[in-house]
Amino acid sequence: MNWFKKLPGFQKSPPGLERVILRRLPGLFLGGTAALALVAMLARLWPWAGEAADVHTRLTSLDIWLISLGILHWTVLLTVGIGAFIVMVMKGPAYVADAYPLPTLPPGQRGPREP
């Protein structure tokens, strides 16, 4: 049984921006995550003024902000990646499903959607 029958005469669309996006996603993922981690490391090296409890509160708040930005960054990249993948699949070859014979009604009987 042939699961994937290509539609005869169908011409594939040339690859476009979706391939560029899919190739750049791993670099953007690592670069964005590394940039956020670098900010967190630099904040610990920064000479903060004030009491230890205040410095700890500032660093904790900064960590919460950076973690939330990291999760937002990953979510945006995942969403863009899913969209680019869908476009890539849609530009691929067309496939024909197996024929599904429609049931025939006896003469004089109407179907559920016929007026």
N, C-alpha and C. Protein backbone atom coordinates (compact mmCIF):
# COMPACT_ATOMS: atom_id res chain seq x y z
N MET A 1 0.85 -1.18 0.00
CA MET A 1 0.00 0.00 0.00
C MET A 1 0.89 1.24 0.00
N ASN A 2 0.63 2.13 -0.91
CA ASN A 2 1.39 3.37 -1.01
C ASN A 2 0.68 4.45 -0.19
N TRP A 3 1.30 4.87 0.92
CA TRP A 3 0.68 5.84 1.82
C TRP A 3 0.72 7.25 1.26
N PHE A 4 1.74 7.56 0.49
CA PHE A 4 1.90 8.92 -0.01
C PHE A 4 1.90 8.90 -1.54
N LYS A 5 0.76 9.23 -2.13
CA LYS A 5 0.65 9.33 -3.58
C LYS A 5 0.71 10.80 -3.95
N LYS A 6 1.75 11.18 -4.69
CA LYS A 6 1.88 12.58 -5.09
C LYS A 6 0.88 12.90 -6.19
N LEU A 7 0.37 14.10 -6.12
CA LEU A 7 -0.56 14.58 -7.11
C LEU A 7 0.19 14.78 -8.42
N PRO A 8 -0.23 14.15 -9.49
CA PRO A 8 0.50 14.30 -10.75
C PRO A 8 0.38 15.71 -11.31
N GLY A 9 1.49 16.23 -11.80
CA GLY A 9 1.51 17.55 -12.42
C GLY A 9 1.64 18.70 -11.44
N PHE A 10 1.76 18.42 -10.17
CA PHE A 10 1.88 19.49 -9.17
C PHE A 10 3.31 20.00 -9.15
N GLN A 11 3.48 21.32 -9.15
CA GLN A 11 4.82 21.92 -9.11
C GLN A 11 5.06 22.46 -7.71
N LYS A 12 6.20 22.08 -7.14
CA LYS A 12 6.56 22.57 -5.82
C LYS A 12 6.93 24.04 -5.90
N SER A 13 6.62 24.77 -4.87
CA SER A 13 7.02 26.18 -4.78
C SER A 13 8.47 26.24 -4.34
N PRO A 14 9.22 27.21 -4.82
CA PRO A 14 10.62 27.32 -4.41
C PRO A 14 10.73 27.71 -2.93
N PRO A 15 11.78 27.25 -2.25
CA PRO A 15 11.94 27.63 -0.84
C PRO A 15 12.13 29.13 -0.72
N GLY A 16 11.66 29.65 0.37
CA GLY A 16 11.73 31.09 0.58
C GLY A 16 12.24 31.44 1.95
N LEU A 17 11.63 32.43 2.56
CA LEU A 17 12.05 32.96 3.84
C LEU A 17 11.92 31.93 4.97
N GLU A 18 10.98 30.97 4.81
CA GLU A 18 10.79 29.99 5.88
C GLU A 18 12.03 29.13 6.10
N ARG A 19 12.77 28.83 5.05
CA ARG A 19 14.01 28.04 5.21
C ARG A 19 15.08 28.86 5.92
N VAL A 20 15.16 30.13 5.60
CA VAL A 20 16.13 31.01 6.28
C VAL A 20 15.80 31.09 7.77
N ILE A 21 14.52 31.24 8.08
CA ILE A 21 14.10 31.33 9.48
C ILE A 21 14.43 30.04 10.21
N LEU A 22 14.12 28.89 9.62
CA LEU A 22 14.39 27.62 10.28
C LEU A 22 15.89 27.39 10.50
N ARG A 23 16.72 27.87 9.58
CA ARG A 23 18.17 27.72 9.75
C ARG A 23 18.72 28.63 10.85
N ARG A 24 18.11 29.78 11.04
CA ARG A 24 18.61 30.74 12.04
C ARG A 24 18.07 30.49 13.45
N LEU A 25 17.05 29.70 13.60
CA LEU A 25 16.43 29.51 14.91
C LEU A 25 17.39 28.96 15.97
N PRO A 26 18.21 27.94 15.69
CA PRO A 26 19.11 27.46 16.75
C PRO A 26 20.09 28.53 17.22
N GLY A 27 20.64 29.31 16.32
CA GLY A 27 21.55 30.38 16.70
C GLY A 27 20.86 31.46 17.52
N LEU A 28 19.64 31.82 17.11
CA LEU A 28 18.88 32.81 17.87
C LEU A 28 18.53 32.29 19.26
N PHE A 29 18.21 31.01 19.34
CA PHE A 29 17.90 30.42 20.64
C PHE A 29 19.10 30.48 21.57
N LEU A 30 20.25 30.02 21.08
CA LEU A 30 21.45 30.03 21.92
C LEU A 30 21.94 31.44 22.21
N GLY A 31 21.91 32.30 21.22
CA GLY A 31 22.37 33.68 21.40
C GLY A 31 21.52 34.45 22.39
N GLY A 32 20.21 34.35 22.27
CA GLY A 32 19.33 35.05 23.18
C GLY A 32 19.43 34.54 24.61
N THR A 33 19.52 33.21 24.74
CA THR A 33 19.65 32.63 26.07
C THR A 33 20.98 33.01 26.70
N ALA A 34 22.05 32.98 25.90
CA ALA A 34 23.37 33.36 26.42
C ALA A 34 23.42 34.83 26.81
N ALA A 35 22.75 35.69 26.06
CA ALA A 35 22.73 37.11 26.39
C ALA A 35 22.04 37.36 27.73
N LEU A 36 20.95 36.65 27.96
CA LEU A 36 20.25 36.81 29.24
C LEU A 36 21.08 36.25 30.40
N ALA A 37 21.76 35.15 30.16
CA ALA A 37 22.62 34.58 31.20
C ALA A 37 23.81 35.51 31.48
N LEU A 38 24.33 36.16 30.45
CA LEU A 38 25.44 37.09 30.62
C LEU A 38 25.01 38.29 31.47
N VAL A 39 23.80 38.77 31.27
CA VAL A 39 23.30 39.88 32.08
C VAL A 39 23.22 39.46 33.55
N ALA A 40 22.75 38.24 33.79
CA ALA A 40 22.65 37.75 35.18
C ALA A 40 24.04 37.62 35.81
N MET A 41 25.03 37.16 35.04
CA MET A 41 26.38 37.03 35.59
C MET A 41 27.02 38.39 35.84
N LEU A 42 26.82 39.33 34.91
CA LEU A 42 27.38 40.66 35.10
C LEU A 42 26.74 41.38 36.28
N ALA A 43 25.49 41.11 36.56
CA ALA A 43 24.82 41.74 37.70
C ALA A 43 25.45 41.30 39.01
N ARG A 44 25.95 40.07 39.05
CA ARG A 44 26.61 39.60 40.26
C ARG A 44 28.01 40.19 40.43
N LEU A 45 28.63 40.59 39.34
CA LEU A 45 29.96 41.20 39.42
C LEU A 45 29.89 42.72 39.64
N TRP A 46 28.74 43.30 39.42
CA TRP A 46 28.56 44.75 39.55
C TRP A 46 28.71 45.15 41.02
N PRO A 47 29.41 46.26 41.28
CA PRO A 47 29.56 46.70 42.69
C PRO A 47 28.30 47.44 43.16
N TRP A 48 27.37 46.72 43.73
CA TRP A 48 26.12 47.31 44.19
C TRP A 48 26.36 48.08 45.48
N ALA A 49 25.68 49.20 45.62
CA ALA A 49 25.76 50.00 46.84
C ALA A 49 24.53 49.70 47.70
N GLY A 50 24.71 49.69 48.99
CA GLY A 50 23.58 49.46 49.89
C GLY A 50 23.82 48.25 50.77
N GLU A 51 22.82 47.95 51.54
CA GLU A 51 22.91 46.82 52.45
C GLU A 51 22.79 45.50 51.69
N ALA A 52 23.23 44.42 52.31
CA ALA A 52 23.23 43.10 51.67
C ALA A 52 21.81 42.64 51.35
N ALA A 53 20.87 42.96 52.22
CA ALA A 53 19.47 42.55 51.97
C ALA A 53 18.91 43.27 50.75
N ASP A 54 19.24 44.56 50.59
CA ASP A 54 18.77 45.31 49.41
C ASP A 54 19.39 44.77 48.13
N VAL A 55 20.69 44.47 48.19
CA VAL A 55 21.37 43.92 47.01
C VAL A 55 20.77 42.57 46.64
N HIS A 56 20.51 41.75 47.64
CA HIS A 56 19.90 40.44 47.38
C HIS A 56 18.51 40.60 46.75
N THR A 57 17.74 41.56 47.22
CA THR A 57 16.41 41.81 46.66
C THR A 57 16.50 42.25 45.21
N ARG A 58 17.44 43.14 44.92
CA ARG A 58 17.62 43.60 43.53
C ARG A 58 18.03 42.45 42.62
N LEU A 59 18.98 41.63 43.07
CA LEU A 59 19.44 40.51 42.25
C LEU A 59 18.32 39.48 42.04
N THR A 60 17.54 39.24 43.07
CA THR A 60 16.42 38.30 42.93
C THR A 60 15.39 38.83 41.95
N SER A 61 15.08 40.12 42.04
CA SER A 61 14.13 40.72 41.09
C SER A 61 14.67 40.66 39.66
N LEU A 62 15.95 40.94 39.51
CA LEU A 62 16.55 40.86 38.18
C LEU A 62 16.51 39.43 37.64
N ASP A 63 16.77 38.46 38.49
CA ASP A 63 16.70 37.06 38.05
C ASP A 63 15.30 36.68 37.60
N ILE A 64 14.30 37.14 38.34
CA ILE A 64 12.92 36.85 37.95
C ILE A 64 12.60 37.47 36.59
N TRP A 65 13.03 38.72 36.39
CA TRP A 65 12.81 39.37 35.10
C TRP A 65 13.53 38.63 33.97
N LEU A 66 14.76 38.23 34.20
CA LEU A 66 15.53 37.55 33.16
C LEU A 66 14.96 36.17 32.84
N ILE A 67 14.51 35.46 33.85
CA ILE A 67 13.89 34.15 33.59
C ILE A 67 12.60 34.32 32.78
N SER A 68 11.81 35.32 33.13
CA SER A 68 10.57 35.54 32.37
C SER A 68 10.87 35.98 30.94
N LEU A 69 11.88 36.80 30.75
CA LEU A 69 12.27 37.19 29.39
C LEU A 69 12.80 35.99 28.60
N GLY A 70 13.53 35.10 29.28
CA GLY A 70 14.01 33.89 28.62
C GLY A 70 12.87 33.00 28.16
N ILE A 71 11.88 32.82 29.01
CA ILE A 71 10.73 32.00 28.63
C ILE A 71 9.95 32.66 27.50
N LEU A 72 9.81 33.98 27.54
CA LEU A 72 9.16 34.69 26.45
C LEU A 72 9.94 34.52 25.15
N HIS A 73 11.26 34.63 25.22
CA HIS A 73 12.12 34.47 24.05
C HIS A 73 11.94 33.09 23.44
N TRP A 74 11.97 32.06 24.28
CA TRP A 74 11.80 30.69 23.78
C TRP A 74 10.43 30.48 23.17
N THR A 75 9.40 31.07 23.78
CA THR A 75 8.04 30.91 23.26
C THR A 75 7.89 31.59 21.91
N VAL A 76 8.47 32.77 21.77
CA VAL A 76 8.39 33.47 20.48
C VAL A 76 9.11 32.67 19.40
N LEU A 77 10.29 32.14 19.71
CA LEU A 77 11.03 31.35 18.73
C LEU A 77 10.27 30.07 18.37
N LEU A 78 9.65 29.43 19.35
CA LEU A 78 8.87 28.23 19.06
C LEU A 78 7.70 28.56 18.15
N THR A 79 7.01 29.66 18.41
CA THR A 79 5.87 30.05 17.59
C THR A 79 6.30 30.37 16.16
N VAL A 80 7.38 31.11 16.02
CA VAL A 80 7.88 31.44 14.68
C VAL A 80 8.34 30.17 13.96
N GLY A 81 8.98 29.27 14.69
CA GLY A 81 9.42 28.01 14.10
C GLY A 81 8.27 27.15 13.63
N ILE A 82 7.20 27.07 14.41
CA ILE A 82 6.03 26.30 13.99
C ILE A 82 5.42 26.91 12.73
N GLY A 83 5.33 28.23 12.69
CA GLY A 83 4.79 28.88 11.49
C GLY A 83 5.65 28.64 10.27
N ALA A 84 6.97 28.72 10.42
CA ALA A 84 7.86 28.48 9.28
C ALA A 84 7.78 27.03 8.83
N PHE A 85 7.65 26.11 9.77
CA PHE A 85 7.52 24.69 9.41
C PHE A 85 6.23 24.44 8.65
N ILE A 86 5.14 25.05 9.09
CA ILE A 86 3.86 24.88 8.39
C ILE A 86 3.95 25.42 6.97
N VAL A 87 4.59 26.58 6.78
CA VAL A 87 4.75 27.13 5.43
C VAL A 87 5.60 26.20 4.58
N MET A 88 6.66 25.63 5.17
CA MET A 88 7.52 24.71 4.42
C MET A 88 6.75 23.47 3.98
N VAL A 89 5.93 22.92 4.86
CA VAL A 89 5.14 21.74 4.51
C VAL A 89 4.11 22.09 3.44
N MET A 90 3.50 23.26 3.55
CA MET A 90 2.49 23.65 2.57
C MET A 90 3.08 23.90 1.19
N LYS A 91 4.36 24.28 1.13
CA LYS A 91 5.00 24.50 -0.17
C LYS A 91 5.49 23.21 -0.79
N GLY A 92 5.47 22.13 -0.04
CA GLY A 92 5.97 20.85 -0.54
C GLY A 92 5.03 20.25 -1.57
N PRO A 93 5.30 19.02 -1.97
CA PRO A 93 4.44 18.39 -2.99
C PRO A 93 3.05 18.10 -2.43
N ALA A 94 2.08 18.10 -3.32
CA ALA A 94 0.70 17.80 -2.93
C ALA A 94 0.50 16.29 -2.99
N TYR A 95 -0.26 15.78 -2.05
CA TYR A 95 -0.54 14.36 -2.00
C TYR A 95 -2.03 14.13 -2.19
N VAL A 96 -2.37 12.97 -2.74
CA VAL A 96 -3.75 12.60 -2.99
C VAL A 96 -4.14 11.53 -1.99
N ALA A 97 -5.23 11.75 -1.31
CA ALA A 97 -5.74 10.74 -0.39
C ALA A 97 -6.49 9.67 -1.17
N ASP A 98 -6.73 8.55 -0.53
CA ASP A 98 -7.52 7.51 -1.18
C ASP A 98 -8.92 8.03 -1.44
N ALA A 99 -9.49 7.53 -2.50
CA ALA A 99 -10.85 7.97 -2.85
C ALA A 99 -11.83 7.47 -1.80
N TYR A 100 -12.75 8.32 -1.47
CA TYR A 100 -13.80 7.96 -0.52
C TYR A 100 -15.12 8.02 -1.27
N PRO A 101 -15.70 6.85 -1.57
CA PRO A 101 -16.96 6.88 -2.33
C PRO A 101 -18.09 7.43 -1.47
N LEU A 102 -18.83 8.37 -2.02
CA LEU A 102 -19.95 8.96 -1.32
C LEU A 102 -21.15 8.02 -1.37
N PRO A 103 -21.88 7.95 -0.29
CA PRO A 103 -23.07 7.07 -0.32
C PRO A 103 -24.13 7.66 -1.24
N THR A 104 -24.83 6.79 -1.90
CA THR A 104 -25.90 7.23 -2.79
C THR A 104 -27.23 7.09 -2.07
N LEU A 105 -28.10 8.05 -2.30
CA LEU A 105 -29.42 8.03 -1.69
C LEU A 105 -30.43 7.48 -2.68
N PRO A 106 -31.44 6.84 -2.15
CA PRO A 106 -32.51 6.37 -3.06
C PRO A 106 -33.18 7.56 -3.74
N PRO A 107 -33.75 7.35 -4.92
CA PRO A 107 -34.42 8.45 -5.61
C PRO A 107 -35.54 9.05 -4.76
N GLY A 108 -35.62 10.36 -4.75
CA GLY A 108 -36.67 11.07 -4.02
C GLY A 108 -36.29 11.40 -2.59
N GLN A 109 -35.20 10.88 -2.09
CA GLN A 109 -34.80 11.18 -0.72
C GLN A 109 -33.71 12.24 -0.77
N ARG A 110 -33.83 13.22 0.18
CA ARG A 110 -32.86 14.32 0.21
C ARG A 110 -31.84 14.06 1.31
N GLY A 111 -30.66 14.63 1.12
CA GLY A 111 -29.62 14.54 2.13
C GLY A 111 -29.85 15.55 3.24
N PRO A 112 -29.06 15.50 4.29
CA PRO A 112 -29.30 16.39 5.44
C PRO A 112 -29.03 17.87 5.15
N ARG A 113 -28.25 18.18 4.13
CA ARG A 113 -27.94 19.59 3.85
C ARG A 113 -28.61 20.11 2.59
N GLU A 114 -29.37 19.29 1.95
CA GLU A 114 -30.03 19.75 0.74
C GLU A 114 -31.31 20.49 1.11
N PRO A 115 -31.63 21.57 0.40
CA PRO A 115 -32.86 22.33 0.72
C PRO A 115 -34.12 21.61 0.29
